[in-house]
């Protein structure tokens, strides 16, 4: 049930961003397209650079912003979207300090969502 509530929140935020024209699409190696709110995409250096290139191309002003990630599977692209969305709209990840001092990953990553994300 908690997962369903989260998914509903994601859908609402994407719809809100889309209404404001702030959506980018990430395209996997198989051609699947996954929506990502622009605000979340700006966390990624690669996606930010792609956005800057897109904005500098006057011919694309009326087109959707699609970033092709030809080396990534759909599952991998979805994981990127999940991470960026969660970090941006739900809970920023606490920085992991180095060197690691815990005996396990669980000792180092205190936030449940991020720990589960890494172990999925």
PDB file of N, CA and C in Angstrom:
ATOM      1  N   UNK A   1       0.820  -1.187   0.000  1.00  0.00           N
ATOM      2  CA  UNK A   1       0.000   0.000   0.000  1.00  0.00           C
ATOM      3  C   UNK A   1       0.875   1.266   0.000  1.00  0.00           C
ATOM      4  N   UNK A   2       1.953   1.252   0.786  1.00  0.00           N
ATOM      5  CA  UNK A   2       2.864   2.397   0.816  1.00  0.00           C
ATOM      6  C   UNK A   2       3.491   2.622  -0.553  1.00  0.00           C
ATOM      7  N   UNK A   3       3.830   1.527  -1.253  1.00  0.00           N
ATOM      8  CA  UNK A   3       4.403   1.634  -2.599  1.00  0.00           C
ATOM      9  C   UNK A   3       3.400   2.264  -3.559  1.00  0.00           C
ATOM     10  N   UNK A   4       2.101   1.909  -3.426  1.00  0.00           N
ATOM     11  CA  UNK A   4       1.069   2.461  -4.287  1.00  0.00           C
ATOM     12  C   UNK A   4       0.910   3.962  -4.038  1.00  0.00           C
ATOM     13  N   UNK A   5       0.946   4.368  -2.773  1.00  0.00           N
ATOM     14  CA  UNK A   5       0.844   5.790  -2.437  1.00  0.00           C
ATOM     15  C   UNK A   5       2.005   6.549  -3.061  1.00  0.00           C
ATOM     16  N   UNK A   6       3.220   5.984  -2.978  1.00  0.00           N
ATOM     17  CA  UNK A   6       4.404   6.610  -3.569  1.00  0.00           C
ATOM     18  C   UNK A   6       4.241   6.738  -5.084  1.00  0.00           C
ATOM     19  N   UNK A   7       3.775   5.667  -5.731  1.00  0.00           N
ATOM     20  CA  UNK A   7       3.593   5.708  -7.181  1.00  0.00           C
ATOM     21  C   UNK A   7       2.559   6.753  -7.580  1.00  0.00           C
ATOM     22  N   UNK A   8       1.497   6.890  -6.781  1.00  0.00           N
ATOM     23  CA  UNK A   8       0.490   7.911  -7.065  1.00  0.00           C
ATOM     24  C   UNK A   8       1.096   9.309  -6.949  1.00  0.00           C
ATOM     25  N   UNK A   9       1.959   9.510  -5.953  1.00  0.00           N
ATOM     26  CA  UNK A   9       2.638  10.787  -5.783  1.00  0.00           C
ATOM     27  C   UNK A   9       3.552  11.099  -6.955  1.00  0.00           C
ATOM     28  N   UNK A  10       4.255  10.076  -7.431  1.00  0.00           N
ATOM     29  CA  UNK A  10       5.136  10.235  -8.592  1.00  0.00           C
ATOM     30  C   UNK A  10       4.305  10.649  -9.800  1.00  0.00           C
ATOM     31  N   UNK A  11       3.202   9.961 -10.031  1.00  0.00           N
ATOM     32  CA  UNK A  11       2.354  10.277 -11.178  1.00  0.00           C
ATOM     33  C   UNK A  11       1.823  11.707 -11.097  1.00  0.00           C
ATOM     34  N   UNK A  12       1.401  12.128  -9.893  1.00  0.00           N
ATOM     35  CA  UNK A  12       0.874  13.480  -9.728  1.00  0.00           C
ATOM     36  C   UNK A  12       1.953  14.534 -10.000  1.00  0.00           C
ATOM     37  N   UNK A  13       3.153  14.288  -9.492  1.00  0.00           N
ATOM     38  CA  UNK A  13       4.233  15.251  -9.710  1.00  0.00           C
ATOM     39  C   UNK A  13       4.605  15.326 -11.187  1.00  0.00           C
ATOM     40  N   UNK A  14       4.642  14.179 -11.854  1.00  0.00           N
ATOM     41  CA  UNK A  14       4.954  14.172 -13.287  1.00  0.00           C
ATOM     42  C   UNK A  14       3.876  14.915 -14.065  1.00  0.00           C
ATOM     43  N   UNK A  15       2.610  14.693 -13.717  1.00  0.00           N
ATOM     44  CA  UNK A  15       1.523  15.399 -14.414  1.00  0.00           C
ATOM     45  C   UNK A  15       1.634  16.905 -14.194  1.00  0.00           C
ATOM     46  N   UNK A  16       1.947  17.311 -12.956  1.00  0.00           N
ATOM     47  CA  UNK A  16       2.111  18.732 -12.653  1.00  0.00           C
ATOM     48  C   UNK A  16       3.252  19.335 -13.469  1.00  0.00           C
ATOM     49  N   UNK A  17       4.385  18.647 -13.484  1.00  0.00           N
ATOM     50  CA  UNK A  17       5.541  19.137 -14.242  1.00  0.00           C
ATOM     51  C   UNK A  17       5.219  19.169 -15.740  1.00  0.00           C
ATOM     52  N   UNK A  18       4.473  18.159 -16.210  1.00  0.00           N
ATOM     53  CA  UNK A  18       4.129  18.101 -17.631  1.00  0.00           C
ATOM     54  C   UNK A  18       3.212  19.264 -18.014  1.00  0.00           C
ATOM     55  N   UNK A  19       2.258  19.584 -17.133  1.00  0.00           N
ATOM     56  CA  UNK A  19       1.370  20.716 -17.403  1.00  0.00           C
ATOM     57  C   UNK A  19       2.166  22.009 -17.536  1.00  0.00           C
ATOM     58  N   UNK A  20       3.233  22.104 -16.801  1.00  0.00           N
ATOM     59  CA  UNK A  20       4.079  23.294 -16.842  1.00  0.00           C
ATOM     60  C   UNK A  20       5.145  23.192 -17.929  1.00  0.00           C
ATOM     61  N   UNK A  21       5.108  22.110 -18.702  1.00  0.00           N
ATOM     62  CA  UNK A  21       6.069  21.928 -19.775  1.00  0.00           C
ATOM     63  C   UNK A  21       7.459  21.571 -19.279  1.00  0.00           C
ATOM     64  N   UNK A  22       7.539  20.938 -18.138  1.00  0.00           N
ATOM     65  CA  UNK A  22       8.826  20.638 -17.523  1.00  0.00           C
ATOM     66  C   UNK A  22       9.090  19.140 -17.417  1.00  0.00           C
ATOM     67  N   UNK A  23       8.948  18.459 -18.498  1.00  0.00           N
ATOM     68  CA  UNK A  23       9.170  17.011 -18.523  1.00  0.00           C
ATOM     69  C   UNK A  23      10.251  16.702 -19.553  1.00  0.00           C
ATOM     70  N   UNK A  24      11.104  15.763 -19.199  1.00  0.00           N
ATOM     71  CA  UNK A  24      12.047  15.229 -20.178  1.00  0.00           C
ATOM     72  C   UNK A  24      11.769  13.731 -20.282  1.00  0.00           C
ATOM     73  N   UNK A  25      12.170  13.162 -21.357  1.00  0.00           N
ATOM     74  CA  UNK A  25      12.005  11.732 -21.580  1.00  0.00           C
ATOM     75  C   UNK A  25      13.385  11.097 -21.677  1.00  0.00           C
ATOM     76  N   UNK A  26      13.543   9.953 -21.025  1.00  0.00           N
ATOM     77  CA  UNK A  26      14.770   9.182 -21.150  1.00  0.00           C
ATOM     78  C   UNK A  26      14.438   7.957 -21.980  1.00  0.00           C
ATOM     79  N   UNK A  27      15.211   7.727 -23.022  1.00  0.00           N
ATOM     80  CA  UNK A  27      14.937   6.642 -23.958  1.00  0.00           C
ATOM     81  C   UNK A  27      16.009   5.567 -23.805  1.00  0.00           C
ATOM     82  N   UNK A  28      15.563   4.346 -23.536  1.00  0.00           N
ATOM     83  CA  UNK A  28      16.489   3.232 -23.315  1.00  0.00           C
ATOM     84  C   UNK A  28      16.979   2.644 -24.635  1.00  0.00           C
ATOM     85  N   UNK A  29      17.879   1.674 -24.535  1.00  0.00           N
ATOM     86  CA  UNK A  29      18.437   1.035 -25.727  1.00  0.00           C
ATOM     87  C   UNK A  29      17.377   0.326 -26.559  1.00  0.00           C
ATOM     88  N   UNK A  30      16.266  -0.072 -25.931  1.00  0.00           N
ATOM     89  CA  UNK A  30      15.206  -0.754 -26.678  1.00  0.00           C
ATOM     90  C   UNK A  30      14.136   0.214 -27.174  1.00  0.00           C
ATOM     91  N   UNK A  31      14.339   1.511 -26.911  1.00  0.00           N
ATOM     92  CA  UNK A  31      13.401   2.514 -27.400  1.00  0.00           C
ATOM     93  C   UNK A  31      12.291   2.873 -26.432  1.00  0.00           C
ATOM     94  N   UNK A  32      12.270   2.245 -25.250  1.00  0.00           N
ATOM     95  CA  UNK A  32      11.258   2.596 -24.261  1.00  0.00           C
ATOM     96  C   UNK A  32      11.544   3.991 -23.733  1.00  0.00           C
ATOM     97  N   UNK A  33      10.483   4.776 -23.560  1.00  0.00           N
ATOM     98  CA  UNK A  33      10.632   6.149 -23.073  1.00  0.00           C
ATOM     99  C   UNK A  33      10.031   6.256 -21.682  1.00  0.00           C
ATOM    100  N   UNK A  34      10.783   6.885 -20.776  1.00  0.00           N
ATOM    101  CA  UNK A  34      10.344   7.041 -19.393  1.00  0.00           C
ATOM    102  C   UNK A  34      10.373   8.519 -19.053  1.00  0.00           C
ATOM    103  N   UNK A  35       9.261   9.015 -18.490  1.00  0.00           N
ATOM    104  CA  UNK A  35       9.148  10.425 -18.129  1.00  0.00           C
ATOM    105  C   UNK A  35       9.954  10.726 -16.873  1.00  0.00           C
ATOM    106  N   UNK A  36      10.524  11.925 -16.857  1.00  0.00           N
ATOM    107  CA  UNK A  36      11.232  12.402 -15.679  1.00  0.00           C
ATOM    108  C   UNK A  36      10.988  13.903 -15.557  1.00  0.00           C
ATOM    109  N   UNK A  37      10.526  14.359 -14.383  1.00  0.00           N
ATOM    110  CA  UNK A  37      10.400  15.805 -14.205  1.00  0.00           C
ATOM    111  C   UNK A  37      11.756  16.472 -14.415  1.00  0.00           C
ATOM    112  N   UNK A  38      11.736  17.586 -15.102  1.00  0.00           N
ATOM    113  CA  UNK A  38      12.967  18.304 -15.431  1.00  0.00           C
ATOM    114  C   UNK A  38      13.781  18.635 -14.188  1.00  0.00           C
ATOM    115  N   UNK A  39      13.113  19.047 -13.133  1.00  0.00           N
ATOM    116  CA  UNK A  39      13.812  19.397 -11.891  1.00  0.00           C
ATOM    117  C   UNK A  39      14.663  18.237 -11.396  1.00  0.00           C
ATOM    118  N   UNK A  40      14.151  17.023 -11.474  1.00  0.00           N
ATOM    119  CA  UNK A  40      14.908  15.844 -11.039  1.00  0.00           C
ATOM    120  C   UNK A  40      16.049  15.550 -12.005  1.00  0.00           C
ATOM    121  N   UNK A  41      15.815  15.723 -13.277  1.00  0.00           N
ATOM    122  CA  UNK A  41      16.838  15.447 -14.286  1.00  0.00           C
ATOM    123  C   UNK A  41      18.051  16.351 -14.164  1.00  0.00           C
ATOM    124  N   UNK A  42      17.844  17.539 -13.604  1.00  0.00           N
ATOM    125  CA  UNK A  42      18.953  18.483 -13.484  1.00  0.00           C
ATOM    126  C   UNK A  42      19.997  18.051 -12.455  1.00  0.00           C
ATOM    127  N   UNK A  43      19.691  17.051 -11.651  1.00  0.00           N
ATOM    128  CA  UNK A  43      20.681  16.522 -10.704  1.00  0.00           C
ATOM    129  C   UNK A  43      21.795  15.771 -11.417  1.00  0.00           C
ATOM    130  N   UNK A  44      21.494  15.244 -12.564  1.00  0.00           N
ATOM    131  CA  UNK A  44      22.461  14.457 -13.326  1.00  0.00           C
ATOM    132  C   UNK A  44      23.256  15.370 -14.254  1.00  0.00           C
ATOM    133  N   UNK A  45      24.563  15.296 -14.172  1.00  0.00           N
ATOM    134  CA  UNK A  45      25.404  16.090 -15.066  1.00  0.00           C
ATOM    135  C   UNK A  45      25.135  15.788 -16.526  1.00  0.00           C
ATOM    136  N   UNK A  46      24.981  14.518 -16.853  1.00  0.00           N
ATOM    137  CA  UNK A  46      24.719  14.106 -18.234  1.00  0.00           C
ATOM    138  C   UNK A  46      23.398  14.683 -18.733  1.00  0.00           C
ATOM    139  N   UNK A  47      22.358  14.568 -17.921  1.00  0.00           N
ATOM    140  CA  UNK A  47      21.043  15.058 -18.348  1.00  0.00           C
ATOM    141  C   UNK A  47      21.019  16.584 -18.391  1.00  0.00           C
ATOM    142  N   UNK A  48      21.716  17.223 -17.471  1.00  0.00           N
ATOM    143  CA  UNK A  48      21.799  18.685 -17.469  1.00  0.00           C
ATOM    144  C   UNK A  48      22.491  19.180 -18.738  1.00  0.00           C
ATOM    145  N   UNK A  49      23.559  18.501 -19.113  1.00  0.00           N
ATOM    146  CA  UNK A  49      24.275  18.856 -20.346  1.00  0.00           C
ATOM    147  C   UNK A  49      23.379  18.660 -21.569  1.00  0.00           C
ATOM    148  N   UNK A  50      22.630  17.564 -21.583  1.00  0.00           N
ATOM    149  CA  UNK A  50      21.713  17.301 -22.701  1.00  0.00           C
ATOM    150  C   UNK A  50      20.650  18.389 -22.780  1.00  0.00           C
ATOM    151  N   UNK A  51      20.172  18.836 -21.632  1.00  0.00           N
ATOM    152  CA  UNK A  51      19.172  19.904 -21.597  1.00  0.00           C
ATOM    153  C   UNK A  51      19.752  21.202 -22.147  1.00  0.00           C
ATOM    154  N   UNK A  52      20.973  21.520 -21.759  1.00  0.00           N
ATOM    155  CA  UNK A  52      21.611  22.738 -22.263  1.00  0.00           C
ATOM    156  C   UNK A  52      21.768  22.673 -23.779  1.00  0.00           C
ATOM    157  N   UNK A  53      22.169  21.503 -24.292  1.00  0.00           N
ATOM    158  CA  UNK A  53      22.290  21.335 -25.740  1.00  0.00           C
ATOM    159  C   UNK A  53      20.932  21.494 -26.415  1.00  0.00           C
ATOM    160  N   UNK A  54      19.907  20.933 -25.812  1.00  0.00           N
ATOM    161  CA  UNK A  54      18.553  21.005 -26.354  1.00  0.00           C
ATOM    162  C   UNK A  54      18.074  22.454 -26.387  1.00  0.00           C
ATOM    163  N   UNK A  55      18.315  23.186 -25.300  1.00  0.00           N
ATOM    164  CA  UNK A  55      17.877  24.584 -25.224  1.00  0.00           C
ATOM    165  C   UNK A  55      18.645  25.494 -26.185  1.00  0.00           C
ATOM    166  N   UNK A  56      19.852  25.109 -26.554  1.00  0.00           N
ATOM    167  CA  UNK A  56      20.649  25.914 -27.475  1.00  0.00           C
ATOM    168  C   UNK A  56      20.285  25.676 -28.938  1.00  0.00           C
ATOM    169  N   UNK A  57      19.486  24.657 -29.193  1.00  0.00           N
ATOM    170  CA  UNK A  57      19.081  24.325 -30.555  1.00  0.00           C
ATOM    171  C   UNK A  57      17.705  24.945 -30.816  1.00  0.00           C
ATOM    172  N   UNK A  58      17.668  26.042 -31.547  1.00  0.00           N
ATOM    173  CA  UNK A  58      16.430  26.778 -31.791  1.00  0.00           C
ATOM    174  C   UNK A  58      15.372  25.950 -32.512  1.00  0.00           C
ATOM    175  N   UNK A  59      15.787  24.969 -33.294  1.00  0.00           N
ATOM    176  CA  UNK A  59      14.830  24.161 -34.056  1.00  0.00           C
ATOM    177  C   UNK A  59      13.990  23.266 -33.160  1.00  0.00           C
ATOM    178  N   UNK A  60      14.454  22.977 -31.939  1.00  0.00           N
ATOM    179  CA  UNK A  60      13.783  22.014 -31.069  1.00  0.00           C
ATOM    180  C   UNK A  60      12.820  22.647 -30.075  1.00  0.00           C
ATOM    181  N   UNK A  61      12.555  23.927 -30.174  1.00  0.00           N
ATOM    182  CA  UNK A  61      11.750  24.594 -29.151  1.00  0.00           C
ATOM    183  C   UNK A  61      10.342  24.006 -29.023  1.00  0.00           C
ATOM    184  N   UNK A  62       9.790  23.472 -30.075  1.00  0.00           N
ATOM    185  CA  UNK A  62       8.439  22.919 -30.014  1.00  0.00           C
ATOM    186  C   UNK A  62       8.448  21.402 -29.800  1.00  0.00           C
ATOM    187  N   UNK A  63       9.606  20.788 -29.795  1.00  0.00           N
ATOM    188  CA  UNK A  63       9.690  19.339 -29.669  1.00  0.00           C
ATOM    189  C   UNK A  63       9.851  18.913 -28.217  1.00  0.00           C
ATOM    190  N   UNK A  64       9.509  17.656 -27.963  1.00  0.00           N
ATOM    191  CA  UNK A  64       9.747  17.077 -26.640  1.00  0.00           C
ATOM    192  C   UNK A  64      11.237  16.892 -26.441  1.00  0.00           C
ATOM    193  N   UNK A  65      11.653  17.018 -25.203  1.00  0.00           N
ATOM    194  CA  UNK A  65      13.058  16.773 -24.906  1.00  0.00           C
ATOM    195  C   UNK A  65      13.229  15.283 -24.628  1.00  0.00           C
ATOM    196  N   UNK A  66      13.979  14.618 -25.492  1.00  0.00           N
ATOM    197  CA  UNK A  66      14.244  13.189 -25.348  1.00  0.00           C
ATOM    198  C   UNK A  66      15.754  12.994 -25.279  1.00  0.00           C
ATOM    199  N   UNK A  67      16.191  12.320 -24.219  1.00  0.00           N
ATOM    200  CA  UNK A  67      17.611  12.012 -24.069  1.00  0.00           C
ATOM    201  C   UNK A  67      17.767  10.518 -24.332  1.00  0.00           C
ATOM    202  N   UNK A  68      18.530  10.193 -25.350  1.00  0.00           N
ATOM    203  CA  UNK A  68      18.732   8.793 -25.702  1.00  0.00           C
ATOM    204  C   UNK A  68      19.885   8.213 -24.891  1.00  0.00           C
ATOM    205  N   UNK A  69      19.584   7.155 -24.175  1.00  0.00           N
ATOM    206  CA  UNK A  69      20.580   6.453 -23.367  1.00  0.00           C
ATOM    207  C   UNK A  69      20.763   5.073 -23.988  1.00  0.00           C
ATOM    208  N   UNK A  70      21.428   5.047 -25.115  1.00  0.00           N
ATOM    209  CA  UNK A  70      21.485   3.864 -25.967  1.00  0.00           C
ATOM    210  C   UNK A  70      22.183   2.663 -25.337  1.00  0.00           C
ATOM    211  N   UNK A  71      22.963   2.881 -24.311  1.00  0.00           N
ATOM    212  CA  UNK A  71      23.667   1.759 -23.686  1.00  0.00           C
ATOM    213  C   UNK A  71      22.948   1.210 -22.458  1.00  0.00           C
ATOM    214  N   UNK A  72      21.830   1.822 -22.082  1.00  0.00           N
ATOM    215  CA  UNK A  72      21.147   1.420 -20.858  1.00  0.00           C
ATOM    216  C   UNK A  72      19.851   0.680 -21.152  1.00  0.00           C
ATOM    217  N   UNK A  73      19.638  -0.376 -20.405  1.00  0.00           N
ATOM    218  CA  UNK A  73      18.388  -1.128 -20.517  1.00  0.00           C
ATOM    219  C   UNK A  73      17.252  -0.308 -19.917  1.00  0.00           C
ATOM    220  N   UNK A  74      16.036  -0.688 -20.223  1.00  0.00           N
ATOM    221  CA  UNK A  74      14.872  -0.006 -19.663  1.00  0.00           C
ATOM    222  C   UNK A  74      14.882  -0.092 -18.141  1.00  0.00           C
ATOM    223  N   UNK A  75      15.240  -1.253 -17.609  1.00  0.00           N
ATOM    224  CA  UNK A  75      15.287  -1.416 -16.151  1.00  0.00           C
ATOM    225  C   UNK A  75      16.287  -0.450 -15.528  1.00  0.00           C
ATOM    226  N   UNK A  76      17.432  -0.293 -16.145  1.00  0.00           N
ATOM    227  CA  UNK A  76      18.457   0.617 -15.639  1.00  0.00           C
ATOM    228  C   UNK A  76      17.982   2.069 -15.715  1.00  0.00           C
ATOM    229  N   UNK A  77      17.373   2.449 -16.810  1.00  0.00           N
ATOM    230  CA  UNK A  77      16.856   3.812 -16.957  1.00  0.00           C
ATOM    231  C   UNK A  77      15.787   4.067 -15.888  1.00  0.00           C
ATOM    232  N   UNK A  78      14.932   3.079 -15.646  1.00  0.00           N
ATOM    233  CA  UNK A  78      13.898   3.235 -14.627  1.00  0.00           C
ATOM    234  C   UNK A  78      14.516   3.419 -13.246  1.00  0.00           C
ATOM    235  N   UNK A  79      15.601   2.705 -12.963  1.00  0.00           N
ATOM    236  CA  UNK A  79      16.296   2.870 -11.679  1.00  0.00           C
ATOM    237  C   UNK A  79      16.858   4.281 -11.555  1.00  0.00           C
ATOM    238  N   UNK A  80      17.420   4.813 -12.616  1.00  0.00           N
ATOM    239  CA  UNK A  80      17.939   6.190 -12.607  1.00  0.00           C
ATOM    240  C   UNK A  80      16.801   7.159 -12.305  1.00  0.00           C
ATOM    241  N   UNK A  81      15.674   6.988 -12.990  1.00  0.00           N
ATOM    242  CA  UNK A  81      14.513   7.854 -12.786  1.00  0.00           C
ATOM    243  C   UNK A  81      14.022   7.747 -11.338  1.00  0.00           C
ATOM    244  N   UNK A  82      13.928   6.531 -10.824  1.00  0.00           N
ATOM    245  CA  UNK A  82      13.473   6.337  -9.443  1.00  0.00           C
ATOM    246  C   UNK A  82      14.379   7.073  -8.459  1.00  0.00           C
ATOM    247  N   UNK A  83      15.694   6.937  -8.653  1.00  0.00           N
ATOM    248  CA  UNK A  83      16.649   7.585  -7.755  1.00  0.00           C
ATOM    249  C   UNK A  83      16.525   9.102  -7.825  1.00  0.00           C
ATOM    250  N   UNK A  84      16.558   9.650  -9.033  1.00  0.00           N
ATOM    251  CA  UNK A  84      16.505  11.099  -9.193  1.00  0.00           C
ATOM    252  C   UNK A  84      15.198  11.673  -8.652  1.00  0.00           C
ATOM    253  N   UNK A  85      14.110  10.968  -8.905  1.00  0.00           N
ATOM    254  CA  UNK A  85      12.811  11.432  -8.417  1.00  0.00           C
ATOM    255  C   UNK A  85      12.788  11.428  -6.888  1.00  0.00           C
ATOM    256  N   UNK A  86      13.189  10.313  -6.300  1.00  0.00           N
ATOM    257  CA  UNK A  86      13.153  10.199  -4.838  1.00  0.00           C
ATOM    258  C   UNK A  86      14.036  11.269  -4.189  1.00  0.00           C
ATOM    259  N   UNK A  87      15.236  11.425  -4.709  1.00  0.00           N
ATOM    260  CA  UNK A  87      16.188  12.402  -4.168  1.00  0.00           C
ATOM    261  C   UNK A  87      15.619  13.816  -4.245  1.00  0.00           C
ATOM    262  N   UNK A  88      14.973  14.142  -5.351  1.00  0.00           N
ATOM    263  CA  UNK A  88      14.479  15.497  -5.591  1.00  0.00           C
ATOM    264  C   UNK A  88      13.192  15.812  -4.837  1.00  0.00           C
ATOM    265  N   UNK A  89      12.245  14.891  -4.829  1.00  0.00           N
ATOM    266  CA  UNK A  89      10.906  15.210  -4.335  1.00  0.00           C
ATOM    267  C   UNK A  89      10.542  14.561  -3.002  1.00  0.00           C
ATOM    268  N   UNK A  90      11.327  13.588  -2.544  1.00  0.00           N
ATOM    269  CA  UNK A  90      10.931  12.892  -1.332  1.00  0.00           C
ATOM    270  C   UNK A  90      11.948  12.990  -0.197  1.00  0.00           C
ATOM    271  N   UNK A  91      13.196  12.637  -0.467  1.00  0.00           N
ATOM    272  CA  UNK A  91      14.190  12.638   0.603  1.00  0.00           C
ATOM    273  C   UNK A  91      15.591  12.619  -0.006  1.00  0.00           C
ATOM    274  N   UNK A  92      16.325  13.685   0.220  1.00  0.00           N
ATOM    275  CA  UNK A  92      17.698  13.728  -0.282  1.00  0.00           C
ATOM    276  C   UNK A  92      18.538  12.699   0.472  1.00  0.00           C
ATOM    277  N   UNK A  93      19.475  12.124  -0.228  1.00  0.00           N
ATOM    278  CA  UNK A  93      20.345  11.119   0.386  1.00  0.00           C
ATOM    279  C   UNK A  93      21.418  11.804   1.226  1.00  0.00           C
ATOM    280  N   UNK A  94      21.609  11.271   2.419  1.00  0.00           N
ATOM    281  CA  UNK A  94      22.665  11.770   3.297  1.00  0.00           C
ATOM    282  C   UNK A  94      24.001  11.281   2.743  1.00  0.00           C
ATOM    283  N   UNK A  95      24.959  12.173   2.694  1.00  0.00           N
ATOM    284  CA  UNK A  95      26.263  11.820   2.140  1.00  0.00           C
ATOM    285  C   UNK A  95      26.903  10.683   2.944  1.00  0.00           C
ATOM    286  N   UNK A  96      27.503   9.757   2.229  1.00  0.00           N
ATOM    287  CA  UNK A  96      28.216   8.643   2.860  1.00  0.00           C
ATOM    288  C   UNK A  96      29.644   9.104   3.107  1.00  0.00           C
ATOM    289  N   UNK A  97      30.074   9.050   4.339  1.00  0.00           N
ATOM    290  CA  UNK A  97      31.424   9.512   4.664  1.00  0.00           C
ATOM    291  C   UNK A  97      32.448   8.408   4.393  1.00  0.00           C
ATOM    292  N   UNK A  98      33.601   8.853   3.969  1.00  0.00           N
ATOM    293  CA  UNK A  98      34.699   7.929   3.682  1.00  0.00           C
ATOM    294  C   UNK A  98      35.854   8.240   4.615  1.00  0.00           C
ATOM    295  N   UNK A  99      36.606   7.296   5.033  1.00  0.00           N
ATOM    296  CA  UNK A  99      36.477   5.878   4.710  1.00  0.00           C
ATOM    297  C   UNK A  99      35.290   5.246   5.446  1.00  0.00           C
ATOM    298  N   UNK A 100      34.796   4.158   4.888  1.00  0.00           N
ATOM    299  CA  UNK A 100      33.684   3.444   5.515  1.00  0.00           C
ATOM    300  C   UNK A 100      34.169   2.826   6.824  1.00  0.00           C
ATOM    301  N   UNK A 101      33.344   2.943   7.849  1.00  0.00           N
ATOM    302  CA  UNK A 101      33.744   2.413   9.150  1.00  0.00           C
ATOM    303  C   UNK A 101      32.861   1.257   9.617  1.00  0.00           C
ATOM    304  N   UNK A 102      31.703   1.109   9.019  1.00  0.00           N
ATOM    305  CA  UNK A 102      30.782   0.043   9.408  1.00  0.00           C
ATOM    306  C   UNK A 102      31.226  -1.306   8.879  1.00  0.00           C
ATOM    307  N   UNK A 103      30.600  -2.316   9.403  1.00  0.00           N
ATOM    308  CA  UNK A 103      30.917  -3.681   8.979  1.00  0.00           C
ATOM    309  C   UNK A 103      30.072  -4.121   7.787  1.00  0.00           C
ATOM    310  N   UNK A 104      29.011  -3.374   7.515  1.00  0.00           N
ATOM    311  CA  UNK A 104      28.138  -3.733   6.398  1.00  0.00           C
ATOM    312  C   UNK A 104      27.575  -2.467   5.769  1.00  0.00           C
ATOM    313  N   UNK A 105      26.968  -2.630   4.614  1.00  0.00           N
ATOM    314  CA  UNK A 105      26.347  -1.514   3.918  1.00  0.00           C
ATOM    315  C   UNK A 105      25.238  -0.903   4.771  1.00  0.00           C
ATOM    316  N   UNK A 106      24.521  -1.732   5.491  1.00  0.00           N
ATOM    317  CA  UNK A 106      23.433  -1.267   6.358  1.00  0.00           C
ATOM    318  C   UNK A 106      23.967  -0.303   7.416  1.00  0.00           C
ATOM    319  N   UNK A 107      25.194  -0.526   7.882  1.00  0.00           N
ATOM    320  CA  UNK A 107      25.801   0.371   8.872  1.00  0.00           C
ATOM    321  C   UNK A 107      26.097   1.744   8.275  1.00  0.00           C
ATOM    322  N   UNK A 108      26.330   1.801   6.979  1.00  0.00           N
ATOM    323  CA  UNK A 108      26.721   3.045   6.321  1.00  0.00           C
ATOM    324  C   UNK A 108      25.532   3.825   5.766  1.00  0.00           C
ATOM    325  N   UNK A 109      24.526   3.128   5.284  1.00  0.00           N
ATOM    326  CA  UNK A 109      23.367   3.774   4.666  1.00  0.00           C
ATOM    327  C   UNK A 109      22.194   3.650   5.623  1.00  0.00           C
ATOM    328  N   UNK A 110      21.910   4.732   6.316  1.00  0.00           N
ATOM    329  CA  UNK A 110      20.889   4.734   7.374  1.00  0.00           C
ATOM    330  C   UNK A 110      19.469   4.924   6.835  1.00  0.00           C
ATOM    331  N   UNK A 111      19.341   5.485   5.655  1.00  0.00           N
ATOM    332  CA  UNK A 111      18.024   5.746   5.090  1.00  0.00           C
ATOM    333  C   UNK A 111      17.495   4.477   4.416  1.00  0.00           C
ATOM    334  N   UNK A 112      16.362   4.025   4.879  1.00  0.00           N
ATOM    335  CA  UNK A 112      15.790   2.748   4.434  1.00  0.00           C
ATOM    336  C   UNK A 112      15.569   2.703   2.932  1.00  0.00           C
ATOM    337  N   UNK A 113      14.997   3.768   2.354  1.00  0.00           N
ATOM    338  CA  UNK A 113      14.703   3.738   0.924  1.00  0.00           C
ATOM    339  C   UNK A 113      15.972   3.531   0.115  1.00  0.00           C
ATOM    340  N   UNK A 114      17.037   4.244   0.440  1.00  0.00           N
ATOM    341  CA  UNK A 114      18.288   4.146  -0.307  1.00  0.00           C
ATOM    342  C   UNK A 114      18.952   2.783  -0.096  1.00  0.00           C
ATOM    343  N   UNK A 115      18.879   2.276   1.103  1.00  0.00           N
ATOM    344  CA  UNK A 115      19.439   0.941   1.359  1.00  0.00           C
ATOM    345  C   UNK A 115      18.703  -0.103   0.519  1.00  0.00           C
ATOM    346  N   UNK A 116      17.376  -0.032   0.517  1.00  0.00           N
ATOM    347  CA  UNK A 116      16.594  -0.983  -0.283  1.00  0.00           C
ATOM    348  C   UNK A 116      16.831  -0.783  -1.784  1.00  0.00           C
ATOM    349  N   UNK A 117      16.995   0.454  -2.205  1.00  0.00           N
ATOM    350  CA  UNK A 117      17.256   0.763  -3.613  1.00  0.00           C
ATOM    351  C   UNK A 117      18.556   0.098  -4.069  1.00  0.00           C
ATOM    352  N   UNK A 118      19.591   0.215  -3.274  1.00  0.00           N
ATOM    353  CA  UNK A 118      20.884  -0.366  -3.621  1.00  0.00           C
ATOM    354  C   UNK A 118      20.812  -1.889  -3.648  1.00  0.00           C
ATOM    355  N   UNK A 119      20.020  -2.463  -2.780  1.00  0.00           N
ATOM    356  CA  UNK A 119      19.933  -3.917  -2.688  1.00  0.00           C
ATOM    357  C   UNK A 119      18.918  -4.540  -3.629  1.00  0.00           C
ATOM    358  N   UNK A 120      18.220  -3.719  -4.391  1.00  0.00           N
ATOM    359  CA  UNK A 120      17.218  -4.245  -5.335  1.00  0.00           C
ATOM    360  C   UNK A 120      17.879  -4.746  -6.597  1.00  0.00           C
TER     361      UNK A 120
END
